[in-house]
PDB file of N, CA and C in Angstrom:
ATOM      1  N   MET A   1    -126.368  16.743 -54.943  1.00  0.00           N
ATOM      2  CA  MET A   1    -126.808  17.299 -53.675  1.00  0.00           C
ATOM      3  C   MET A   1    -126.304  16.391 -52.552  1.00  0.00           C
ATOM      4  N   THR A   2    -125.687  17.004 -51.563  1.00  0.00           N
ATOM      5  CA  THR A   2    -125.198  16.228 -50.423  1.00  0.00           C
ATOM      6  C   THR A   2    -126.331  16.009 -49.417  1.00  0.00           C
ATOM      7  N   LEU A   3    -126.090  15.111 -48.486  1.00  0.00           N
ATOM      8  CA  LEU A   3    -127.081  14.868 -47.443  1.00  0.00           C
ATOM      9  C   LEU A   3    -127.253  16.084 -46.550  1.00  0.00           C
ATOM     10  N   VAL A   4    -126.198  16.838 -46.351  1.00  0.00           N
ATOM     11  CA  VAL A   4    -126.302  18.052 -45.550  1.00  0.00           C
ATOM     12  C   VAL A   4    -127.301  19.010 -46.201  1.00  0.00           C
ATOM     13  N   GLN A   5    -127.166  19.216 -47.490  1.00  0.00           N
ATOM     14  CA  GLN A   5    -128.079  20.100 -48.204  1.00  0.00           C
ATOM     15  C   GLN A   5    -129.501  19.546 -48.186  1.00  0.00           C
ATOM     16  N   ALA A   6    -129.647  18.254 -48.391  1.00  0.00           N
ATOM     17  CA  ALA A   6    -130.975  17.638 -48.397  1.00  0.00           C
ATOM     18  C   ALA A   6    -131.656  17.799 -47.040  1.00  0.00           C
ATOM     19  N   LYS A   7    -130.910  17.582 -45.968  1.00  0.00           N
ATOM     20  CA  LYS A   7    -131.471  17.735 -44.615  1.00  0.00           C
ATOM     21  C   LYS A   7    -131.853  19.194 -44.363  1.00  0.00           C
ATOM     22  N   ARG A   8    -131.007  20.115 -44.794  1.00  0.00           N
ATOM     23  CA  ARG A   8    -131.289  21.534 -44.595  1.00  0.00           C
ATOM     24  C   ARG A   8    -132.546  21.943 -45.352  1.00  0.00           C
ATOM     25  N   GLU A   9    -132.638  21.525 -46.600  1.00  0.00           N
ATOM     26  CA  GLU A   9    -133.808  21.881 -47.402  1.00  0.00           C
ATOM     27  C   GLU A   9    -135.078  21.229 -46.870  1.00  0.00           C
ATOM     28  N   ALA A  10    -134.965  19.992 -46.377  1.00  0.00           N
ATOM     29  CA  ALA A  10    -136.132  19.318 -45.798  1.00  0.00           C
ATOM     30  C   ALA A  10    -136.621  20.053 -44.550  1.00  0.00           C
ATOM     31  N   ALA A  11    -135.686  20.660 -43.832  1.00  0.00           N
ATOM     32  CA  ALA A  11    -136.040  21.433 -42.637  1.00  0.00           C
ATOM     33  C   ALA A  11    -136.506  22.842 -42.990  1.00  0.00           C
ATOM     34  N   LYS A  12    -136.486  23.166 -44.289  1.00  0.00           N
ATOM     35  CA  LYS A  12    -136.902  24.484 -44.786  1.00  0.00           C
ATOM     36  C   LYS A  12    -136.108  25.608 -44.121  1.00  0.00           C
ATOM     37  N   LEU A  13    -134.795  25.403 -44.044  1.00  0.00           N
ATOM     38  CA  LEU A  13    -133.900  26.396 -43.464  1.00  0.00           C
ATOM     39  C   LEU A  13    -132.937  26.898 -44.536  1.00  0.00           C
ATOM     40  N   SER A  14    -132.586  28.159 -44.460  1.00  0.00           N
ATOM     41  CA  SER A  14    -131.605  28.717 -45.387  1.00  0.00           C
ATOM     42  C   SER A  14    -130.201  28.366 -44.917  1.00  0.00           C
ATOM     43  N   GLN A  15    -129.249  28.529 -45.816  1.00  0.00           N
ATOM     44  CA  GLN A  15    -127.856  28.314 -45.426  1.00  0.00           C
ATOM     45  C   GLN A  15    -127.475  29.261 -44.298  1.00  0.00           C
ATOM     46  N   ASN A  16    -127.920  30.499 -44.391  1.00  0.00           N
ATOM     47  CA  ASN A  16    -127.590  31.471 -43.353  1.00  0.00           C
ATOM     48  C   ASN A  16    -128.135  31.061 -41.992  1.00  0.00           C
ATOM     49  N   GLU A  17    -129.373  30.567 -41.960  1.00  0.00           N
ATOM     50  CA  GLU A  17    -129.976  30.139 -40.693  1.00  0.00           C
ATOM     51  C   GLU A  17    -129.195  28.976 -40.080  1.00  0.00           C
ATOM     52  N   VAL A  18    -128.899  27.985 -40.892  1.00  0.00           N
ATOM     53  CA  VAL A  18    -128.182  26.805 -40.390  1.00  0.00           C
ATOM     54  C   VAL A  18    -126.776  27.187 -39.960  1.00  0.00           C
ATOM     55  N   ALA A  19    -126.100  27.950 -40.776  1.00  0.00           N
ATOM     56  CA  ALA A  19    -124.732  28.356 -40.449  1.00  0.00           C
ATOM     57  C   ALA A  19    -124.705  29.128 -39.135  1.00  0.00           C
ATOM     58  N   SER A  20    -125.624  30.043 -38.968  1.00  0.00           N
ATOM     59  CA  SER A  20    -125.681  30.842 -37.752  1.00  0.00           C
ATOM     60  C   SER A  20    -125.942  29.970 -36.525  1.00  0.00           C
ATOM     61  N   ARG A  21    -126.910  29.073 -36.635  1.00  0.00           N
ATOM     62  CA  ARG A  21    -127.252  28.200 -35.504  1.00  0.00           C
ATOM     63  C   ARG A  21    -126.132  27.214 -35.192  1.00  0.00           C
ATOM     64  N   ALA A  22    -125.383  26.795 -36.221  1.00  0.00           N
ATOM     65  CA  ALA A  22    -124.296  25.834 -36.040  1.00  0.00           C
ATOM     66  C   ALA A  22    -122.965  26.513 -35.726  1.00  0.00           C
ATOM     67  N   ASN A  23    -122.975  27.843 -35.753  1.00  0.00           N
ATOM     68  CA  ASN A  23    -121.766  28.622 -35.470  1.00  0.00           C
ATOM     69  C   ASN A  23    -120.631  28.315 -36.455  1.00  0.00           C
ATOM     70  N   ILE A  24    -120.998  28.229 -37.735  1.00  0.00           N
ATOM     71  CA  ILE A  24    -120.009  28.125 -38.812  1.00  0.00           C
ATOM     72  C   ILE A  24    -120.357  29.182 -39.850  1.00  0.00           C
ATOM     73  N   SER A  25    -119.436  29.494 -40.723  1.00  0.00           N
ATOM     74  CA  SER A  25    -119.724  30.520 -41.730  1.00  0.00           C
ATOM     75  C   SER A  25    -120.630  29.953 -42.830  1.00  0.00           C
ATOM     76  N   GLN A  26    -121.380  30.839 -43.449  1.00  0.00           N
ATOM     77  CA  GLN A  26    -122.239  30.431 -44.562  1.00  0.00           C
ATOM     78  C   GLN A  26    -121.382  29.948 -45.718  1.00  0.00           C
ATOM     79  N   THR A  27    -120.229  30.557 -45.911  1.00  0.00           N
ATOM     80  CA  THR A  27    -119.315  30.147 -46.978  1.00  0.00           C
ATOM     81  C   THR A  27    -118.853  28.715 -46.764  1.00  0.00           C
ATOM     82  N   LYS A  28    -118.514  28.378 -45.526  1.00  0.00           N
ATOM     83  CA  LYS A  28    -118.075  27.020 -45.213  1.00  0.00           C
ATOM     84  C   LYS A  28    -119.202  26.022 -45.450  1.00  0.00           C
ATOM     85  N   LEU A  29    -120.412  26.367 -45.022  1.00  0.00           N
ATOM     86  CA  LEU A  29    -121.556  25.483 -45.238  1.00  0.00           C
ATOM     87  C   LEU A  29    -121.794  25.270 -46.726  1.00  0.00           C
ATOM     88  N   SER A  30    -121.700  26.324 -47.500  1.00  0.00           N
ATOM     89  CA  SER A  30    -121.875  26.207 -48.948  1.00  0.00           C
ATOM     90  C   SER A  30    -120.844  25.254 -49.548  1.00  0.00           C
ATOM     91  N   LYS A  31    -119.605  25.387 -49.132  1.00  0.00           N
ATOM     92  CA  LYS A  31    -118.547  24.499 -49.644  1.00  0.00           C
ATOM     93  C   LYS A  31    -118.805  23.052 -49.248  1.00  0.00           C
ATOM     94  N   ILE A  32    -119.288  22.826 -48.029  1.00  0.00           N
ATOM     95  CA  ILE A  32    -119.616  21.468 -47.582  1.00  0.00           C
ATOM     96  C   ILE A  32    -120.742  20.912 -48.445  1.00  0.00           C
ATOM     97  N   GLU A  33    -121.781  21.716 -48.647  1.00  0.00           N
ATOM     98  CA  GLU A  33    -122.940  21.268 -49.424  1.00  0.00           C
ATOM     99  C   GLU A  33    -122.602  20.982 -50.886  1.00  0.00           C
ATOM    100  N   HIS A  34    -121.619  21.666 -51.422  1.00  0.00           N
ATOM    101  CA  HIS A  34    -121.241  21.447 -52.820  1.00  0.00           C
ATOM    102  C   HIS A  34    -120.063  20.494 -52.980  1.00  0.00           C
ATOM    103  N   GLY A  35    -119.661  19.846 -51.886  1.00  0.00           N
ATOM    104  CA  GLY A  35    -118.595  18.860 -51.948  1.00  0.00           C
ATOM    105  C   GLY A  35    -117.211  19.432 -52.151  1.00  0.00           C
ATOM    106  N   LYS A  36    -117.044  20.715 -51.903  1.00  0.00           N
ATOM    107  CA  LYS A  36    -115.737  21.348 -52.083  1.00  0.00           C
ATOM    108  C   LYS A  36    -114.918  21.337 -50.804  1.00  0.00           C
ATOM    109  N   LEU A  37    -115.563  20.971 -49.700  1.00  0.00           N
ATOM    110  CA  LEU A  37    -114.896  20.921 -48.406  1.00  0.00           C
ATOM    111  C   LEU A  37    -115.402  19.696 -47.669  1.00  0.00           C
ATOM    112  N   LYS A  38    -114.473  18.881 -47.209  1.00  0.00           N
ATOM    113  CA  LYS A  38    -114.842  17.671 -46.488  1.00  0.00           C
ATOM    114  C   LYS A  38    -115.434  18.033 -45.131  1.00  0.00           C
ATOM    115  N   LEU A  39    -116.500  17.351 -44.755  1.00  0.00           N
ATOM    116  CA  LEU A  39    -117.179  17.597 -43.492  1.00  0.00           C
ATOM    117  C   LEU A  39    -116.346  17.042 -42.344  1.00  0.00           C
ATOM    118  N   LYS A  40    -115.928  17.915 -41.447  1.00  0.00           N
ATOM    119  CA  LYS A  40    -115.152  17.502 -40.280  1.00  0.00           C
ATOM    120  C   LYS A  40    -116.106  17.156 -39.149  1.00  0.00           C
ATOM    121  N   LEU A  41    -115.635  16.325 -38.226  1.00  0.00           N
ATOM    122  CA  LEU A  41    -116.486  15.850 -37.144  1.00  0.00           C
ATOM    123  C   LEU A  41    -117.054  16.995 -36.311  1.00  0.00           C
ATOM    124  N   THR A  42    -116.257  17.994 -36.006  1.00  0.00           N
ATOM    125  CA  THR A  42    -116.763  19.103 -35.189  1.00  0.00           C
ATOM    126  C   THR A  42    -117.913  19.826 -35.892  1.00  0.00           C
ATOM    127  N   ASP A  43    -117.763  20.042 -37.194  1.00  0.00           N
ATOM    128  CA  ASP A  43    -118.837  20.687 -37.954  1.00  0.00           C
ATOM    129  C   ASP A  43    -120.036  19.757 -38.096  1.00  0.00           C
ATOM    130  N   ALA A  44    -119.787  18.472 -38.279  1.00  0.00           N
ATOM    131  CA  ALA A  44    -120.872  17.494 -38.402  1.00  0.00           C
ATOM    132  C   ALA A  44    -121.715  17.475 -37.133  1.00  0.00           C
ATOM    133  N   LYS A  45    -121.066  17.544 -35.975  1.00  0.00           N
ATOM    134  CA  LYS A  45    -121.799  17.555 -34.707  1.00  0.00           C
ATOM    135  C   LYS A  45    -122.684  18.790 -34.603  1.00  0.00           C
ATOM    136  N   ARG A  46    -122.137  19.930 -34.978  1.00  0.00           N
ATOM    137  CA  ARG A  46    -122.904  21.173 -34.921  1.00  0.00           C
ATOM    138  C   ARG A  46    -124.085  21.143 -35.891  1.00  0.00           C
ATOM    139  N   LEU A  47    -123.828  20.685 -37.110  1.00  0.00           N
ATOM    140  CA  LEU A  47    -124.887  20.633 -38.115  1.00  0.00           C
ATOM    141  C   LEU A  47    -125.958  19.606 -37.743  1.00  0.00           C
ATOM    142  N   ALA A  48    -125.552  18.478 -37.219  1.00  0.00           N
ATOM    143  CA  ALA A  48    -126.509  17.440 -36.815  1.00  0.00           C
ATOM    144  C   ALA A  48    -127.442  17.970 -35.731  1.00  0.00           C
ATOM    145  N   ARG A  49    -126.883  18.712 -34.789  1.00  0.00           N
ATOM    146  CA  ARG A  49    -127.701  19.285 -33.715  1.00  0.00           C
ATOM    147  C   ARG A  49    -128.755  20.227 -34.305  1.00  0.00           C
ATOM    148  N   VAL A  50    -128.343  21.075 -35.231  1.00  0.00           N
ATOM    149  CA  VAL A  50    -129.254  22.046 -35.834  1.00  0.00           C
ATOM    150  C   VAL A  50    -130.294  21.350 -36.722  1.00  0.00           C
ATOM    151  N   LEU A  51    -129.866  20.329 -37.455  1.00  0.00           N
ATOM    152  CA  LEU A  51    -130.744  19.667 -38.425  1.00  0.00           C
ATOM    153  C   LEU A  51    -131.545  18.507 -37.838  1.00  0.00           C
ATOM    154  N   GLY A  52    -131.294  18.183 -36.574  1.00  0.00           N
ATOM    155  CA  GLY A  52    -132.076  17.137 -35.908  1.00  0.00           C
ATOM    156  C   GLY A  52    -131.787  15.742 -36.423  1.00  0.00           C
ATOM    157  N   CYS A  53    -130.515  15.453 -36.648  1.00  0.00           N
ATOM    158  CA  CYS A  53    -130.128  14.122 -37.124  1.00  0.00           C
ATOM    159  C   CYS A  53    -128.813  13.724 -36.455  1.00  0.00           C
ATOM    160  N   THR A  54    -128.246  12.615 -36.874  1.00  0.00           N
ATOM    161  CA  THR A  54    -126.976  12.171 -36.317  1.00  0.00           C
ATOM    162  C   THR A  54    -125.830  12.560 -37.254  1.00  0.00           C
ATOM    163  N   THR A  55    -124.629  12.513 -36.711  1.00  0.00           N
ATOM    164  CA  THR A  55    -123.463  12.789 -37.551  1.00  0.00           C
ATOM    165  C   THR A  55    -123.327  11.724 -38.630  1.00  0.00           C
ATOM    166  N   ASP A  56    -123.698  10.504 -38.315  1.00  0.00           N
ATOM    167  CA  ASP A  56    -123.644   9.435 -39.319  1.00  0.00           C
ATOM    168  C   ASP A  56    -124.569   9.745 -40.491  1.00  0.00           C
ATOM    169  N   ASP A  57    -125.724  10.326 -40.203  1.00  0.00           N
ATOM    170  CA  ASP A  57    -126.657  10.688 -41.271  1.00  0.00           C
ATOM    171  C   ASP A  57    -126.020  11.676 -42.246  1.00  0.00           C
ATOM    172  N   LEU A  58    -125.205  12.568 -41.741  1.00  0.00           N
ATOM    173  CA  LEU A  58    -124.600  13.598 -42.576  1.00  0.00           C
ATOM    174  C   LEU A  58    -123.361  13.122 -43.312  1.00  0.00           C
ATOM    175  N   GLN A  59    -122.697  12.120 -42.762  1.00  0.00           N
ATOM    176  CA  GLN A  59    -121.460  11.648 -43.362  1.00  0.00           C
ATOM    177  C   GLN A  59    -121.661  10.431 -44.251  1.00  0.00           C
ATOM    178  N   ALA A  60    -122.884   9.982 -44.389  1.00  0.00           N
ATOM    179  CA  ALA A  60    -123.157   8.799 -45.203  1.00  0.00           C
ATOM    180  C   ALA A  60    -122.871   9.032 -46.679  1.00  0.00           C
ATOM    181  N   ASP A  61    -122.835  10.293 -47.111  1.00  0.00           N
ATOM    182  CA  ASP A  61    -122.538  10.589 -48.522  1.00  0.00           C
ATOM    183  C   ASP A  61    -121.268   9.895 -48.976  1.00  0.00           C
ATOM    184  N   GLU A  62    -120.220  10.041 -48.207  1.00  0.00           N
ATOM    185  CA  GLU A  62    -118.929   9.472 -48.592  1.00  0.00           C
ATOM    186  C   GLU A  62    -118.949   7.952 -48.502  1.00  0.00           C
ATOM    187  N   ALA A  63    -119.580   7.418 -47.477  1.00  0.00           N
ATOM    188  CA  ALA A  63    -119.572   5.976 -47.273  1.00  0.00           C
ATOM    189  C   ALA A  63    -120.431   5.249 -48.305  1.00  0.00           C
ATOM    190  N   LEU A  64    -121.475   5.891 -48.780  1.00  0.00           N
ATOM    191  CA  LEU A  64    -122.425   5.211 -49.653  1.00  0.00           C
ATOM    192  C   LEU A  64    -122.303   5.569 -51.126  1.00  0.00           C
ATOM    193  N   THR A  65    -121.383   6.438 -51.457  1.00  0.00           N
ATOM    194  CA  THR A  65    -121.229   6.812 -52.855  1.00  0.00           C
ATOM    195  C   THR A  65    -120.656   5.636 -53.634  1.00  0.00           C
ATOM    196  N   PRO A  66    -121.420   5.075 -54.565  1.00  0.00           N
ATOM    197  CA  PRO A  66    -120.918   3.925 -55.307  1.00  0.00           C
ATOM    198  C   PRO A  66    -119.817   4.320 -56.288  1.00  0.00           C
ATOM    199  N   VAL A  67    -118.873   3.453 -56.424  1.00  0.00           N
ATOM    200  CA  VAL A  67    -117.783   3.663 -57.372  1.00  0.00           C
ATOM    201  C   VAL A  67    -117.866   2.545 -58.402  1.00  0.00           C
ATOM    202  N   ALA A  68    -118.065   2.917 -59.649  1.00  0.00           N
ATOM    203  CA  ALA A  68    -118.180   1.919 -60.715  1.00  0.00           C
ATOM    204  C   ALA A  68    -116.812   1.351 -61.070  1.00  0.00           C
ATOM    205  N   THR A  69    -116.778   0.056 -61.299  1.00  0.00           N
ATOM    206  CA  THR A  69    -115.553  -0.571 -61.751  1.00  0.00           C
ATOM    207  C   THR A  69    -115.407  -0.322 -63.236  1.00  0.00           C
ATOM    208  N   PRO A  70    -114.217  -0.469 -63.791  1.00  0.00           N
ATOM    209  CA  PRO A  70    -114.050  -0.285 -65.242  1.00  0.00           C
ATOM    210  C   PRO A  70    -114.977  -1.184 -66.049  1.00  0.00           C
ATOM    211  N   GLU A  71    -115.241  -2.401 -65.552  1.00  0.00           N
ATOM    212  CA  GLU A  71    -116.130  -3.303 -66.270  1.00  0.00           C
ATOM    213  C   GLU A  71    -117.548  -2.767 -66.295  1.00  0.00           C
ATOM    214  N   GLU A  72    -118.008  -2.186 -65.170  1.00  0.00           N
ATOM    215  CA  GLU A  72    -119.352  -1.641 -65.113  1.00  0.00           C
ATOM    216  C   GLU A  72    -119.459  -0.416 -66.022  1.00  0.00           C
ATOM    217  N   ASP A  73    -118.402   0.385 -66.095  1.00  0.00           N
ATOM    218  CA  ASP A  73    -118.413   1.548 -66.968  1.00  0.00           C
ATOM    219  C   ASP A  73    -118.553   1.134 -68.428  1.00  0.00           C
ATOM    220  N   ALA A  74    -117.944   0.019 -68.795  1.00  0.00           N
ATOM    221  CA  ALA A  74    -117.982  -0.445 -70.187  1.00  0.00           C
ATOM    222  C   ALA A  74    -119.395  -0.832 -70.603  1.00  0.00           C
ATOM    223  N   TYR A  75    -120.216  -1.266 -69.635  1.00  0.00           N
ATOM    224  CA  TYR A  75    -121.573  -1.686 -69.944  1.00  0.00           C
ATOM    225  C   TYR A  75    -122.596  -0.584 -69.748  1.00  0.00           C
ATOM    226  N   ALA A  76    -122.178   0.561 -69.264  1.00  0.00           N
ATOM    227  CA  ALA A  76    -123.126   1.650 -68.980  1.00  0.00           C
ATOM    228  C   ALA A  76    -123.577   2.323 -70.259  1.00  0.00           C
TER     229      ALA A  76
END
């Protein structure tokens, strides 16, 4: 689950409601939420306004996703 989806669900809004308020398609929002489409700044600004957060809050998924090193994978 991406932060966009988590924020939307916490706000108890449907994809259609958020997409409509943010002036983006529901299909695009779905792709963003499922990680199939990278969140662009223009869309992040629109979504942040609708979801009551900052663009940084929505883009933290990419910045904070940990990447395991081969050594860590060997011990997992």
